[in-house]
Amino acid sequence: MRKNIFCKTTVLLTMAAMLLMTGCGNGSAGDGADSAGSSEVSDNGGALESAGETSENAGTQLANPWRDATEEEVGYITEGYFKIPEGATNVVCSAMDKEGDEKPLYQVTFDLDGNNFTARVEYGAEDYADISGMNYEWTSTDEGKLAGWGDGNMEAKFYRYVGDECADLCTWYDIEIGIAYSLSTVAKNLDGFDIQAVAEAMYPGDDVLLDDFVQQAAQKETFESFDEVISYLTEGQGYAYINVIGHEGDVLAVTDYVYKNDDKTNASIGATLYGEVNGKIRSLGYVGSAGTAYPLAASDGLIYGCNPHSYEVYFFNPDGTGLMMKDDITESYDSAGNVSYYGFTRETNNFDDTVEFTGGEAEYNKYWENYFNAEVINFTVVK
């Protein structure tokens, strides 16, 4: 995972401007603004993606899309997604609900060593989505890997703007489970500052608590048996036993949404996978697809969680402790309707065994045949 921090700008905000918030994922860190030094400033210190968010009528104020995070959400944010660095003060957690998406965009602001930071996280974000909301014409960019995150294999991108004010941004994307992160700070002078060190200090550890309905019901993360996990399911929820490459023994898939598929199976578009690790049953990750037209499927030890324009296949990491993407190939169209394909494939569950996908439509469709030939996971519904 990558490091990213936000901090307060030196621009004074009017009360109206303070009510304006950046939209999530609308700007690209690499695109930059036409004039970074004159960009408007959002409530979290990042430049607004669009000056058009300001009403032409100075007396009209836009509704604040951010809300205070609930006590439960604060636990998810600070225990599962980020660890608040030691010594941080003025920690504030907030959330932005997005229409049609069950999982909000989460944000944490805090002060540390004289700087103000903003960290954001979005579960289920598109590949390498920029959720920072910043819009600078970056002076310099760099890439690297974050210690801790992704066993030290998490690629990160770093951006710096130098002008009347200075801004640092770090973004990273956990491709194994689809989580986008950003961290940024803005200050008068950032000479000698290392945003990477702050991002690495925010690594939450190996036991990442995600938003899982079983854990919520049980109020704990580990279980004695699969039967205990199932005991927390309620009417209409479902479970299924599957075999997955990389994990010894059965894997239990649980879902809180079951529907009748065309083949009459009890299908789902999202499930949390549980397995045994060090004698305890715990969550090993979540797999989801785009909708009921793409139910979760499994075949030959692989799990398919595909989307209309994205072929996604999973197995487990070499330790058998978490989901890992085997194949991730995306179909993308530009404004002229031209299609391109990008992503990677893996023959084994080894990070070094990653091959860039360079094929076209024919090769892409060939991979999709694997999904169509796989069996839809048939869940047992709790009565």
Protein backbone atom coordinates (compact mmCIF):
# COMPACT_ATOMS: atom_id res chain seq x y z
CA MET A 1 0.00 0.00 0.00
CA ARG A 2 1.16 3.54 -0.50
CA LYS A 3 1.73 6.50 1.67
CA ASN A 4 -0.16 9.76 1.30
CA ILE A 5 -0.77 12.75 3.54
CA PHE A 6 -2.73 15.98 3.34
CA CYS A 7 -2.03 19.18 5.24
CA LYS A 8 -3.56 22.62 5.67
CA THR A 9 -2.76 25.28 3.11
CA THR A 10 -1.71 28.79 3.91
CA VAL A 11 -4.67 30.24 2.03
CA LEU A 12 -7.33 31.75 4.30
CA LEU A 13 -10.75 30.20 3.74
CA THR A 14 -14.02 32.08 3.83
CA MET A 15 -16.96 30.41 5.53
CA ALA A 16 -18.49 29.66 2.16
CA ALA A 17 -15.37 28.05 0.83
CA MET A 18 -15.08 25.92 3.94
CA LEU A 19 -18.35 24.27 3.02
CA LEU A 20 -17.02 23.14 -0.33
CA MET A 21 -15.54 19.67 -0.48
CA THR A 22 -13.65 17.89 -3.17
CA GLY A 23 -15.43 15.10 -5.03
CA CYS A 24 -13.88 11.65 -4.76
CA GLY A 25 -11.70 10.36 -7.53
CA ASN A 26 -12.50 13.17 -10.00
CA GLY A 27 -8.98 14.55 -10.32
CA SER A 28 -5.78 12.88 -11.33
CA ALA A 29 -2.64 13.49 -9.36
CA GLY A 30 -0.65 13.37 -12.54
CA ASP A 31 -2.82 15.79 -14.53
CA GLY A 32 -2.22 18.89 -12.44
CA ALA A 33 -4.02 22.24 -12.43
CA ASP A 34 -3.69 25.07 -14.90
CA SER A 35 -2.35 27.26 -12.14
CA ALA A 36 -1.47 25.39 -8.98
CA GLY A 37 -0.59 28.49 -7.02
CA SER A 38 -4.03 30.02 -7.57
CA SER A 39 -6.09 26.88 -7.04
CA GLU A 40 -8.98 27.05 -4.64
CA VAL A 41 -8.56 25.12 -1.45
CA SER A 42 -10.79 22.35 -0.15
CA ASP A 43 -11.70 21.78 3.46
CA ASN A 44 -8.97 19.19 3.82
CA GLY A 45 -6.19 21.30 2.41
CA GLY A 46 -6.11 19.85 -1.13
CA ALA A 47 -6.79 21.98 -4.18
CA LEU A 48 -10.35 21.70 -5.46
CA GLU A 49 -10.66 19.63 -8.62
CA SER A 50 -12.94 22.15 -10.22
CA ALA A 51 -13.50 25.81 -9.58
CA GLY A 52 -16.97 25.19 -10.95
CA GLU A 53 -17.93 23.77 -7.58
CA THR A 54 -18.25 27.37 -6.41
CA SER A 55 -21.72 28.79 -6.98
CA GLU A 56 -22.05 31.79 -9.29
CA ASN A 57 -24.29 33.28 -6.66
CA ALA A 58 -22.05 34.26 -3.78
CA GLY A 59 -25.00 33.88 -1.43
CA THR A 60 -25.50 30.21 -2.34
CA GLN A 61 -23.52 27.54 -0.52
CA LEU A 62 -23.20 23.93 -1.58
CA ALA A 63 -24.03 21.22 0.91
CA ASN A 64 -21.08 19.67 2.69
CA PRO A 65 -20.76 16.09 1.37
CA TRP A 66 -18.64 15.02 4.34
CA ARG A 67 -20.09 13.83 7.63
CA ASP A 68 -18.56 12.80 10.93
CA ALA A 69 -17.61 9.12 10.95
CA THR A 70 -19.63 6.98 13.32
CA GLU A 71 -17.95 5.33 16.28
CA GLU A 72 -18.03 2.02 14.43
CA GLU A 73 -16.51 3.57 11.29
CA VAL A 74 -13.75 5.19 13.32
CA GLY A 75 -12.79 1.69 14.42
CA TYR A 76 -12.63 0.48 10.82
CA ILE A 77 -10.58 3.47 9.75
CA THR A 78 -8.06 3.62 12.57
CA GLU A 79 -7.73 -0.12 13.28
CA GLY A 80 -8.07 -1.63 9.82
CA TYR A 81 -7.15 0.87 7.13
CA PHE A 82 -4.66 3.17 8.86
CA LYS A 83 -2.72 3.24 12.08
CA ILE A 84 -2.60 6.78 13.44
CA PRO A 85 1.11 7.63 13.85
CA GLU A 86 2.42 7.89 17.40
CA GLY A 87 2.39 11.48 18.59
CA ALA A 88 -0.42 12.60 16.26
CA THR A 89 -2.95 15.05 17.68
CA ASN A 90 -6.28 16.58 16.60
CA VAL A 91 -7.32 13.34 14.88
CA VAL A 92 -10.64 13.73 13.03
CA CYS A 93 -12.34 10.96 11.03
CA SER A 94 -15.01 11.72 8.43
CA ALA A 95 -16.84 9.96 5.61
CA MET A 96 -18.40 10.83 2.26
CA ASP A 97 -21.32 8.62 1.22
CA LYS A 98 -21.47 7.88 -2.50
CA GLU A 99 -24.68 7.16 -4.33
CA GLY A 100 -24.90 3.55 -5.45
CA ASP A 101 -21.89 2.49 -3.38
CA GLU A 102 -22.19 0.75 -0.02
CA LYS A 103 -18.73 1.80 1.13
CA PRO A 104 -18.00 5.49 1.76
CA LEU A 105 -14.83 7.39 1.04
CA TYR A 106 -13.10 7.73 4.42
CA GLN A 107 -10.80 10.53 5.52
CA VAL A 108 -8.55 11.14 8.54
CA THR A 109 -6.92 14.45 9.36
CA PHE A 110 -4.30 14.88 12.06
CA ASP A 111 -1.39 17.06 13.18
CA LEU A 112 2.10 15.62 13.49
CA ASP A 113 5.47 17.30 14.03
CA GLY A 114 4.12 20.74 13.12
CA ASN A 115 2.36 19.65 9.91
CA ASN A 116 -1.28 18.86 9.20
CA PHE A 117 -2.04 15.70 7.23
CA THR A 118 -5.01 14.20 5.44
CA ALA A 119 -5.23 10.50 4.65
CA ARG A 120 -7.98 9.01 2.53
CA VAL A 121 -9.02 5.45 1.80
CA GLU A 122 -11.65 3.96 -0.51
CA TYR A 123 -12.54 0.28 -0.46
CA GLY A 124 -13.60 -1.04 -3.88
CA ALA A 125 -12.03 1.85 -5.80
CA GLU A 126 -11.11 1.43 -9.44
CA ASP A 127 -7.54 0.43 -10.22
CA TYR A 128 -5.12 3.14 -9.10
CA ALA A 129 -7.88 5.70 -8.67
CA ASP A 130 -6.69 9.08 -7.40
CA ILE A 131 -8.90 9.89 -4.41
CA SER A 132 -6.76 12.72 -3.04
CA GLY A 133 -8.82 15.60 -4.44
CA MET A 134 -5.60 17.56 -5.01
CA ASN A 135 -5.04 19.37 -8.29
CA TYR A 136 -1.56 20.81 -8.57
CA GLU A 137 0.76 21.09 -11.53
CA TRP A 138 3.33 18.89 -9.86
CA THR A 139 6.93 20.07 -9.84
CA SER A 140 8.32 16.56 -9.51
CA THR A 141 7.11 12.95 -9.34
CA ASP A 142 8.70 9.73 -8.17
CA GLU A 143 7.89 6.08 -7.51
CA GLY A 144 8.92 3.62 -4.84
CA LYS A 145 7.76 0.84 -2.53
CA LEU A 146 6.35 1.18 0.97
CA ALA A 147 7.82 -0.81 3.83
CA GLY A 148 5.25 -2.96 5.61
CA TRP A 149 2.44 -2.48 3.16
CA GLY A 150 1.95 -5.52 0.94
CA ASP A 151 4.92 -7.27 2.55
CA GLY A 152 7.08 -4.42 1.27
CA ASN A 153 5.88 -4.90 -2.32
CA MET A 154 3.36 -2.05 -2.32
CA GLU A 155 4.17 0.36 -5.13
CA ALA A 156 3.65 4.03 -4.35
CA LYS A 157 3.68 7.24 -6.34
CA PHE A 158 5.00 10.50 -4.89
CA TYR A 159 4.22 14.03 -6.03
CA ARG A 160 5.62 17.40 -4.92
CA TYR A 161 4.60 20.95 -5.79
CA VAL A 162 6.92 23.85 -5.00
CA GLY A 163 5.60 27.41 -5.15
CA ASP A 164 4.24 30.03 -2.77
CA GLU A 165 3.13 26.99 -0.82
CA CYS A 166 4.44 23.45 -1.08
CA ALA A 167 2.46 20.23 -1.32
CA ASP A 168 3.42 16.58 -1.01
CA LEU A 169 1.15 13.73 -2.08
CA CYS A 170 1.58 9.98 -1.95
CA THR A 171 -0.88 7.51 -3.49
CA TRP A 172 -0.96 3.73 -3.43
CA TYR A 173 -3.40 0.99 -4.42
CA ASP A 174 -3.81 -2.41 -2.82
CA ILE A 175 -4.58 -4.32 -6.00
CA GLU A 176 -5.08 -7.58 -4.13
CA ILE A 177 -8.29 -6.38 -2.46
CA GLY A 178 -9.07 -3.15 -4.31
CA ILE A 179 -8.32 -0.39 -1.82
CA ALA A 180 -7.05 3.05 -2.86
CA TYR A 181 -5.06 5.21 -0.43
CA SER A 182 -3.75 8.75 -0.44
CA LEU A 183 -1.77 10.86 2.01
CA SER A 184 -0.89 14.53 1.61
CA THR A 185 0.33 17.64 3.33
CA VAL A 186 0.64 21.30 2.38
CA ALA A 187 3.03 23.71 4.05
CA LYS A 188 5.08 26.82 3.43
CA ASN A 189 8.26 24.77 3.16
CA LEU A 190 8.71 21.00 2.84
CA ASP A 191 12.48 20.87 2.39
CA GLY A 192 13.80 17.72 4.01
CA PHE A 193 10.34 16.33 4.65
CA ASP A 194 9.78 12.63 3.84
CA ILE A 195 6.13 11.75 3.28
CA GLN A 196 7.08 8.12 2.69
CA ALA A 197 8.15 7.74 6.32
CA VAL A 198 4.74 8.93 7.52
CA ALA A 199 2.88 6.58 5.18
CA GLU A 200 4.96 3.65 6.35
CA ALA A 201 4.26 4.59 9.96
CA MET A 202 0.55 4.26 9.17
CA TYR A 203 0.76 0.60 8.17
CA PRO A 204 -1.94 -1.07 10.33
CA GLY A 205 -0.24 -4.45 10.62
CA ASP A 206 -1.10 -7.84 9.23
CA ASP A 207 -4.48 -8.24 10.93
CA VAL A 208 -6.47 -5.74 8.88
CA LEU A 209 -10.05 -5.33 10.08
CA LEU A 210 -12.31 -4.78 7.09
CA ASP A 211 -16.01 -4.03 7.05
CA ASP A 212 -17.34 -7.58 7.44
CA PHE A 213 -20.87 -8.32 8.60
CA VAL A 214 -19.88 -11.49 10.50
CA GLN A 215 -17.25 -9.64 12.51
CA GLN A 216 -19.76 -6.92 13.24
CA ALA A 217 -22.29 -9.44 14.54
CA ALA A 218 -19.71 -11.35 16.60
CA GLN A 219 -17.73 -8.27 17.69
CA LYS A 220 -14.50 -10.17 17.18
CA GLU A 221 -12.08 -11.08 14.41
CA THR A 222 -11.24 -14.75 15.03
CA PHE A 223 -13.41 -17.85 15.51
CA GLU A 224 -12.98 -21.40 16.78
CA SER A 225 -14.59 -23.12 13.79
CA PHE A 226 -16.48 -22.63 10.55
CA ASP A 227 -19.64 -23.63 12.41
CA GLU A 228 -19.16 -20.70 14.76
CA VAL A 229 -18.84 -18.31 11.80
CA ILE A 230 -22.03 -19.74 10.28
CA SER A 231 -23.83 -19.37 13.63
CA TYR A 232 -23.69 -15.59 13.24
CA LEU A 233 -25.48 -15.64 9.87
CA THR A 234 -29.10 -14.58 9.83
CA GLU A 235 -32.05 -15.48 7.62
CA GLY A 236 -31.39 -14.84 3.94
CA GLN A 237 -27.60 -14.81 4.28
CA GLY A 238 -25.55 -17.67 2.88
CA TYR A 239 -22.38 -19.74 2.99
CA ALA A 240 -20.44 -22.12 0.75
CA TYR A 241 -17.32 -24.28 1.08
CA ILE A 242 -14.74 -23.96 -1.67
CA ASN A 243 -11.12 -24.92 -2.34
CA VAL A 244 -8.69 -22.15 -3.25
CA ILE A 245 -5.10 -22.43 -4.43
CA GLY A 246 -2.63 -21.33 -1.77
CA HIS A 247 -4.68 -22.30 1.30
CA GLU A 248 -4.65 -25.75 2.87
CA GLY A 249 -8.09 -27.11 3.69
CA ASP A 250 -11.54 -25.74 2.98
CA VAL A 251 -12.33 -22.06 2.65
CA LEU A 252 -15.70 -20.79 3.87
CA ALA A 253 -17.34 -18.08 1.77
CA VAL A 254 -20.07 -16.09 3.54
CA THR A 255 -22.38 -13.49 2.03
CA ASP A 256 -25.17 -11.25 3.23
CA TYR A 257 -26.79 -11.10 -0.21
CA VAL A 258 -28.07 -14.15 -2.11
CA TYR A 259 -30.16 -14.19 -5.29
CA LYS A 260 -31.45 -16.79 -7.73
CA ASN A 261 -29.19 -16.95 -10.77
CA ASP A 262 -30.38 -17.93 -14.25
CA ASP A 263 -29.04 -21.45 -13.64
CA LYS A 264 -31.17 -21.61 -10.45
CA THR A 265 -28.17 -21.53 -8.14
CA ASN A 266 -28.15 -19.38 -5.01
CA ALA A 267 -25.61 -16.88 -6.26
CA SER A 268 -23.97 -13.77 -4.83
CA ILE A 269 -21.93 -10.82 -6.07
CA GLY A 270 -19.80 -10.49 -2.96
CA ALA A 271 -18.41 -12.75 -0.25
CA THR A 272 -15.90 -12.73 2.59
CA LEU A 273 -13.61 -15.74 2.71
CA TYR A 274 -12.71 -17.42 6.00
CA GLY A 275 -9.96 -19.96 6.59
CA GLU A 276 -7.73 -21.39 9.30
CA VAL A 277 -4.56 -19.50 10.20
CA ASN A 278 -2.47 -20.56 13.21
CA GLY A 279 -5.30 -22.64 14.61
CA LYS A 280 -7.93 -19.90 14.38
CA ILE A 281 -10.58 -19.17 11.77
CA ARG A 282 -10.25 -15.63 10.44
CA SER A 283 -11.17 -13.49 7.47
CA LEU A 284 -8.80 -13.89 4.54
CA GLY A 285 -10.28 -11.23 2.29
CA TYR A 286 -13.28 -10.16 0.24
CA VAL A 287 -14.19 -10.88 -3.39
CA GLY A 288 -16.82 -8.89 -5.26
CA SER A 289 -18.19 -8.44 -8.78
CA ALA A 290 -20.10 -5.68 -10.54
CA GLY A 291 -23.66 -6.99 -10.44
CA THR A 292 -26.01 -9.96 -10.72
CA ALA A 293 -25.00 -10.50 -14.35
CA TYR A 294 -21.56 -11.47 -13.03
CA PRO A 295 -22.06 -13.83 -10.07
CA LEU A 296 -19.04 -15.08 -8.16
CA ALA A 297 -17.69 -18.27 -9.69
CA ALA A 298 -14.99 -20.81 -8.90
CA SER A 299 -13.03 -23.44 -10.82
CA ASP A 300 -9.77 -25.37 -10.37
CA GLY A 301 -8.93 -23.57 -7.12
CA LEU A 302 -9.54 -20.08 -8.51
CA ILE A 303 -12.24 -17.52 -7.63
CA TYR A 304 -13.68 -15.20 -10.28
CA GLY A 305 -14.97 -11.76 -9.30
CA CYS A 306 -15.33 -10.18 -12.74
CA ASN A 307 -16.81 -6.86 -13.85
CA PRO A 308 -18.16 -5.70 -17.24
CA HIS A 309 -14.79 -4.38 -18.39
CA SER A 310 -12.45 -6.10 -15.97
CA TYR A 311 -11.38 -9.75 -15.76
CA GLU A 312 -10.37 -10.48 -12.16
CA VAL A 313 -9.25 -13.82 -10.74
CA TYR A 314 -8.05 -14.62 -7.22
CA PHE A 315 -6.14 -17.22 -5.25
CA PHE A 316 -4.20 -16.95 -1.96
CA ASN A 317 -0.76 -15.56 -1.23
CA PRO A 318 2.16 -17.94 -0.59
CA ASP A 319 1.46 -17.93 3.17
CA GLY A 320 -2.20 -18.79 2.65
CA THR A 321 -3.22 -15.85 4.84
CA GLY A 322 -4.82 -13.48 2.37
CA LEU A 323 -6.30 -13.08 -1.10
CA MET A 324 -4.00 -12.34 -3.98
CA MET A 325 -4.90 -11.48 -7.56
CA LYS A 326 -3.91 -14.04 -10.14
CA ASP A 327 -5.13 -12.12 -13.19
CA ASP A 328 -6.30 -8.53 -13.47
CA ILE A 329 -6.98 -7.31 -17.02
CA THR A 330 -8.96 -4.16 -17.79
CA GLU A 331 -10.70 -3.09 -20.99
CA SER A 332 -10.69 0.72 -21.39
CA TYR A 333 -12.28 3.05 -23.95
CA ASP A 334 -11.13 6.59 -24.71
CA SER A 335 -13.38 9.50 -25.72
CA ALA A 336 -13.15 8.47 -29.38
CA GLY A 337 -14.30 4.95 -28.64
CA ASN A 338 -10.89 3.35 -29.11
CA VAL A 339 -10.31 0.34 -26.87
CA SER A 340 -7.12 -0.63 -25.08
CA TYR A 341 -6.21 -3.40 -22.65
CA TYR A 342 -3.84 -3.40 -19.69
CA GLY A 343 -3.13 -5.36 -16.54
CA PHE A 344 -1.17 -8.41 -15.47
CA THR A 345 -1.36 -12.18 -15.14
CA ARG A 346 0.34 -14.68 -12.82
CA GLU A 347 0.88 -18.39 -13.33
CA THR A 348 1.67 -18.93 -9.63
CA ASN A 349 0.97 -17.11 -6.37
CA ASN A 350 4.39 -15.51 -6.33
CA PHE A 351 4.74 -11.75 -6.60
CA ASP A 352 7.81 -12.20 -8.78
CA ASP A 353 5.78 -14.27 -11.24
CA THR A 354 3.91 -11.23 -12.60
CA VAL A 355 3.62 -10.72 -16.35
CA GLU A 356 2.27 -7.57 -17.97
CA PHE A 357 -0.72 -8.20 -20.22
CA THR A 358 0.10 -6.99 -23.74
CA GLY A 359 -2.62 -8.71 -25.73
CA GLY A 360 -5.62 -7.29 -27.56
CA GLU A 361 -9.30 -8.09 -27.80
CA ALA A 362 -8.85 -11.70 -28.88
CA GLU A 363 -6.51 -12.51 -26.00
CA TYR A 364 -8.76 -10.65 -23.55
CA ASN A 365 -11.84 -12.60 -24.67
CA LYS A 366 -9.88 -15.83 -24.37
CA TYR A 367 -9.35 -15.16 -20.68
CA TRP A 368 -13.05 -14.42 -20.25
CA GLU A 369 -13.85 -17.93 -21.48
CA ASN A 370 -12.37 -19.19 -18.20
CA TYR A 371 -15.00 -17.26 -16.26
CA PHE A 372 -17.88 -18.47 -18.42
CA ASN A 373 -16.67 -22.06 -18.02
CA ALA A 374 -16.37 -21.78 -14.24
CA GLU A 375 -19.17 -22.84 -11.88
CA VAL A 376 -21.25 -20.21 -10.16
CA ILE A 377 -20.73 -20.55 -6.40
CA ASN A 378 -23.91 -22.06 -4.97
CA PHE A 379 -24.56 -20.71 -1.47
CA THR A 380 -26.56 -22.50 1.22
CA VAL A 381 -29.17 -20.01 2.40
CA VAL A 382 -29.85 -19.67 6.11
CA LYS A 383 -33.55 -20.18 6.85
